[in-house]
Amino acid sequence: MAIATAQAADDRSGAAVLVSAAIGNEVVQMVELGPKVIQVTVNDRVVYEDREGRTLSFVNAYNMEGRWLVLLQESVDGKCAARFRVLDLGGTKASVSLPFGTCSDAPKVEQADRTLTVSLPATDGKSTAAWNYRDGMLVRMR
């Protein structure tokens, strides 16, 4: 995976490319269209758009037996440090999961048997919550 983090002008009026990454055979970009609008594009096709002014970042990319997954982290508000989404570059077209997390910004990520597991400290501070992502499905495990 190659990641470029320099800001660059985009063909779209007023847009700035915040991050550009070559992942597998795809080009993934995070594009800022305005003060509160960020898009995630795959090969110039919009797969996710945030209009709430959240901070969005790439955590890492994972090769799941030829199927690339990208873990995205978004800041939510002062009460919740982070939520996560999975950008799935496999299948016929890229897709983004629903948001998940416990508001912790400290994910522990494991991969096995084409499954990406994201574990986070639970809000009680004593236990752990975990989500599995496999073949386009996100499931809370604990």
C-alpha atoms as a PDB file:
ATOM      1  CA  MET A   1       0.000   0.000   0.000  1.00  0.00           C
ATOM      2  CA  ALA A   2       1.375   3.411  -0.955  1.00  0.00           C
ATOM      3  CA  ILE A   3      -0.024   6.474   0.803  1.00  0.00           C
ATOM      4  CA  ALA A   4       0.545  10.103  -0.102  1.00  0.00           C
ATOM      5  CA  THR A   5      -0.589  12.601   2.499  1.00  0.00           C
ATOM      6  CA  ALA A   6       0.228  15.893   0.826  1.00  0.00           C
ATOM      7  CA  GLN A   7      -2.668  18.174   0.005  1.00  0.00           C
ATOM      8  CA  ALA A   8      -3.197  18.552  -3.719  1.00  0.00           C
ATOM      9  CA  ALA A   9      -5.678  20.321  -5.924  1.00  0.00           C
ATOM     10  CA  ASP A  10      -8.418  18.197  -7.425  1.00  0.00           C
ATOM     11  CA  ASP A  11     -10.312  18.576 -10.690  1.00  0.00           C
ATOM     12  CA  ARG A  12     -13.457  19.411  -8.712  1.00  0.00           C
ATOM     13  CA  SER A  13     -13.819  23.128  -7.997  1.00  0.00           C
ATOM     14  CA  GLY A  14     -12.371  24.006  -4.589  1.00  0.00           C
ATOM     15  CA  ALA A  15     -11.634  20.376  -3.706  1.00  0.00           C
ATOM     16  CA  ALA A  16      -8.412  19.253  -2.054  1.00  0.00           C
ATOM     17  CA  VAL A  17      -7.074  15.694  -1.959  1.00  0.00           C
ATOM     18  CA  LEU A  18      -6.129  15.089   1.688  1.00  0.00           C
ATOM     19  CA  VAL A  19      -4.860  11.520   1.286  1.00  0.00           C
ATOM     20  CA  SER A  20      -4.271   9.332  -1.746  1.00  0.00           C
ATOM     21  CA  ALA A  21      -3.415   5.628  -1.494  1.00  0.00           C
ATOM     22  CA  ALA A  22      -2.820   2.875  -4.043  1.00  0.00           C
ATOM     23  CA  ILE A  23      -4.354  -0.230  -2.457  1.00  0.00           C
ATOM     24  CA  GLY A  24      -4.279  -3.387  -4.534  1.00  0.00           C
ATOM     25  CA  ASN A  25      -5.466  -2.293  -7.985  1.00  0.00           C
ATOM     26  CA  GLU A  26      -7.503   0.634  -6.622  1.00  0.00           C
ATOM     27  CA  VAL A  27      -6.787   4.303  -5.949  1.00  0.00           C
ATOM     28  CA  VAL A  28      -8.454   5.448  -2.727  1.00  0.00           C
ATOM     29  CA  GLN A  29      -8.645   9.155  -1.963  1.00  0.00           C
ATOM     30  CA  MET A  30      -9.976  11.299   0.839  1.00  0.00           C
ATOM     31  CA  VAL A  31     -11.170  14.566  -0.709  1.00  0.00           C
ATOM     32  CA  GLU A  32     -12.228  17.725   1.129  1.00  0.00           C
ATOM     33  CA  LEU A  33     -14.917  19.526  -0.867  1.00  0.00           C
ATOM     34  CA  GLY A  34     -15.535  22.291   1.646  1.00  0.00           C
ATOM     35  CA  PRO A  35     -15.279  23.182   5.328  1.00  0.00           C
ATOM     36  CA  LYS A  36     -17.607  20.360   6.462  1.00  0.00           C
ATOM     37  CA  VAL A  37     -17.669  17.985   3.487  1.00  0.00           C
ATOM     38  CA  ILE A  38     -15.258  15.064   3.038  1.00  0.00           C
ATOM     39  CA  GLN A  39     -15.622  12.304   0.454  1.00  0.00           C
ATOM     40  CA  VAL A  40     -13.897   8.949   0.171  1.00  0.00           C
ATOM     41  CA  THR A  41     -13.476   7.935  -3.462  1.00  0.00           C
ATOM     42  CA  VAL A  42     -12.310   4.726  -5.106  1.00  0.00           C
ATOM     43  CA  ASN A  43     -11.046   5.237  -8.656  1.00  0.00           C
ATOM     44  CA  ASP A  44     -12.814   8.651  -8.677  1.00  0.00           C
ATOM     45  CA  ARG A  45     -16.184   7.136  -7.643  1.00  0.00           C
ATOM     46  CA  VAL A  46     -17.650   8.444  -4.376  1.00  0.00           C
ATOM     47  CA  VAL A  47     -18.239   5.597  -1.904  1.00  0.00           C
ATOM     48  CA  TYR A  48     -18.756   7.667   1.269  1.00  0.00           C
ATOM     49  CA  GLU A  49     -19.521  11.299   2.045  1.00  0.00           C
ATOM     50  CA  ASP A  50     -19.548  13.032   5.417  1.00  0.00           C
ATOM     51  CA  ARG A  51     -21.339  16.386   5.722  1.00  0.00           C
ATOM     52  CA  GLU A  52     -21.143  16.655   9.519  1.00  0.00           C
ATOM     53  CA  GLY A  53     -17.635  18.098   9.651  1.00  0.00           C
ATOM     54  CA  ARG A  54     -16.130  15.004  11.260  1.00  0.00           C
ATOM     55  CA  THR A  55     -12.424  14.307  11.050  1.00  0.00           C
ATOM     56  CA  LEU A  56     -11.858  11.219   8.890  1.00  0.00           C
ATOM     57  CA  SER A  57      -8.649   9.187   8.652  1.00  0.00           C
ATOM     58  CA  PHE A  58      -7.280   5.923   7.300  1.00  0.00           C
ATOM     59  CA  VAL A  59      -6.201   3.553  10.098  1.00  0.00           C
ATOM     60  CA  ASN A  60      -4.708   0.816   7.905  1.00  0.00           C
ATOM     61  CA  ALA A  61      -5.344  -1.462   4.924  1.00  0.00           C
ATOM     62  CA  TYR A  62      -5.624  -5.241   5.219  1.00  0.00           C
ATOM     63  CA  ASN A  63      -5.262  -7.871   2.486  1.00  0.00           C
ATOM     64  CA  MET A  64      -7.777 -10.605   3.246  1.00  0.00           C
ATOM     65  CA  GLU A  65      -6.739 -13.302   0.754  1.00  0.00           C
ATOM     66  CA  GLY A  66      -6.865 -10.879  -2.178  1.00  0.00           C
ATOM     67  CA  ARG A  67      -9.788  -8.811  -0.857  1.00  0.00           C
ATOM     68  CA  TRP A  68      -8.568  -5.439   0.397  1.00  0.00           C
ATOM     69  CA  LEU A  69     -10.242  -3.811   3.407  1.00  0.00           C
ATOM     70  CA  VAL A  70      -9.465  -0.334   4.748  1.00  0.00           C
ATOM     71  CA  LEU A  71     -10.317   0.628   8.322  1.00  0.00           C
ATOM     72  CA  LEU A  72     -11.553   4.222   8.500  1.00  0.00           C
ATOM     73  CA  GLN A  73     -11.743   6.227  11.727  1.00  0.00           C
ATOM     74  CA  GLU A  74     -14.015   9.235  12.161  1.00  0.00           C
ATOM     75  CA  SER A  75     -14.155  11.594  15.107  1.00  0.00           C
ATOM     76  CA  VAL A  76     -17.747  12.077  16.195  1.00  0.00           C
ATOM     77  CA  ASP A  77     -17.923  14.821  18.821  1.00  0.00           C
ATOM     78  CA  GLY A  78     -16.467  15.795  22.183  1.00  0.00           C
ATOM     79  CA  LYS A  79     -18.336  12.995  23.961  1.00  0.00           C
ATOM     80  CA  CYS A  80     -17.210  10.252  21.571  1.00  0.00           C
ATOM     81  CA  ALA A  81     -13.579  10.130  20.442  1.00  0.00           C
ATOM     82  CA  ALA A  82     -14.065   7.807  17.463  1.00  0.00           C
ATOM     83  CA  ARG A  83     -16.278   5.547  15.394  1.00  0.00           C
ATOM     84  CA  PHE A  84     -15.024   3.208  12.691  1.00  0.00           C
ATOM     85  CA  ARG A  85     -16.135   2.020   9.251  1.00  0.00           C
ATOM     86  CA  VAL A  86     -14.753  -0.643   6.919  1.00  0.00           C
ATOM     87  CA  LEU A  87     -14.126   0.300   3.293  1.00  0.00           C
ATOM     88  CA  ASP A  88     -14.395  -2.954   1.320  1.00  0.00           C
ATOM     89  CA  LEU A  89     -12.557  -2.904  -2.015  1.00  0.00           C
ATOM     90  CA  GLY A  90     -13.594  -6.481  -2.900  1.00  0.00           C
ATOM     91  CA  GLY A  91     -16.641  -7.586  -4.804  1.00  0.00           C
ATOM     92  CA  THR A  92     -18.040  -5.900  -7.892  1.00  0.00           C
ATOM     93  CA  LYS A  93     -17.901  -2.393  -6.392  1.00  0.00           C
ATOM     94  CA  ALA A  94     -16.412  -0.787  -3.309  1.00  0.00           C
ATOM     95  CA  SER A  95     -18.658  -0.255  -0.286  1.00  0.00           C
ATOM     96  CA  VAL A  96     -18.479   1.261   3.201  1.00  0.00           C
ATOM     97  CA  SER A  97     -19.938  -0.367   6.330  1.00  0.00           C
ATOM     98  CA  LEU A  98     -22.203   1.263   8.856  1.00  0.00           C
ATOM     99  CA  PRO A  99     -20.350   2.988  11.721  1.00  0.00           C
ATOM    100  CA  PHE A 100     -19.357   0.939  14.761  1.00  0.00           C
ATOM    101  CA  GLY A 101     -17.354   1.280  17.941  1.00  0.00           C
ATOM    102  CA  THR A 102     -17.458   2.172  21.626  1.00  0.00           C
ATOM    103  CA  CYS A 103     -16.153   5.749  21.263  1.00  0.00           C
ATOM    104  CA  SER A 104     -12.614   4.500  22.008  1.00  0.00           C
ATOM    105  CA  ASP A 105      -9.918   5.561  19.562  1.00  0.00           C
ATOM    106  CA  ALA A 106      -7.691   2.564  20.408  1.00  0.00           C
ATOM    107  CA  PRO A 107      -8.656  -0.331  18.106  1.00  0.00           C
ATOM    108  CA  LYS A 108      -6.954  -3.709  18.237  1.00  0.00           C
ATOM    109  CA  VAL A 109      -7.208  -5.284  14.787  1.00  0.00           C
ATOM    110  CA  GLU A 110      -6.751  -8.951  13.932  1.00  0.00           C
ATOM    111  CA  GLN A 111      -7.216 -10.813  10.680  1.00  0.00           C
ATOM    112  CA  ALA A 112      -7.798 -14.520  10.108  1.00  0.00           C
ATOM    113  CA  ASP A 113      -9.718 -16.642   7.582  1.00  0.00           C
ATOM    114  CA  ARG A 114     -10.872 -13.625   5.498  1.00  0.00           C
ATOM    115  CA  THR A 115     -12.302 -12.044   8.688  1.00  0.00           C
ATOM    116  CA  LEU A 116     -11.242  -8.674  10.056  1.00  0.00           C
ATOM    117  CA  THR A 117     -11.858  -8.362  13.813  1.00  0.00           C
ATOM    118  CA  VAL A 118     -11.814  -4.934  15.460  1.00  0.00           C
ATOM    119  CA  SER A 119     -11.754  -4.972  19.277  1.00  0.00           C
ATOM    120  CA  LEU A 120     -12.187  -1.871  21.427  1.00  0.00           C
ATOM    121  CA  PRO A 121     -12.366  -1.191  25.152  1.00  0.00           C
ATOM    122  CA  ALA A 122     -16.018  -1.139  26.229  1.00  0.00           C
ATOM    123  CA  THR A 123     -17.489   1.992  27.773  1.00  0.00           C
ATOM    124  CA  ASP A 124     -17.413   0.391  31.244  1.00  0.00           C
ATOM    125  CA  GLY A 125     -13.613   0.276  30.992  1.00  0.00           C
ATOM    126  CA  LYS A 126     -13.540  -3.340  32.165  1.00  0.00           C
ATOM    127  CA  SER A 127     -14.507  -5.418  29.144  1.00  0.00           C
ATOM    128  CA  THR A 128     -13.903  -5.470  25.404  1.00  0.00           C
ATOM    129  CA  ALA A 129     -16.340  -5.076  22.521  1.00  0.00           C
ATOM    130  CA  ALA A 130     -15.551  -6.686  19.157  1.00  0.00           C
ATOM    131  CA  TRP A 131     -16.887  -6.592  15.603  1.00  0.00           C
ATOM    132  CA  ASN A 132     -16.168  -9.022  12.760  1.00  0.00           C
ATOM    133  CA  TYR A 133     -16.234  -7.973   9.116  1.00  0.00           C
ATOM    134  CA  ARG A 134     -16.319 -10.706   6.475  1.00  0.00           C
ATOM    135  CA  ASP A 135     -17.557 -10.743   2.879  1.00  0.00           C
ATOM    136  CA  GLY A 136     -19.485  -7.483   3.218  1.00  0.00           C
ATOM    137  CA  MET A 137     -21.101  -8.277   6.581  1.00  0.00           C
ATOM    138  CA  LEU A 138     -20.375  -6.467   9.859  1.00  0.00           C
ATOM    139  CA  VAL A 139     -21.396  -8.356  13.025  1.00  0.00           C
ATOM    140  CA  ARG A 140     -20.929  -7.412  16.681  1.00  0.00           C
ATOM    141  CA  MET A 141     -19.398 -10.394  18.481  1.00  0.00           C
ATOM    142  CA  ARG A 142     -19.246  -9.155  22.094  1.00  0.00           C
END
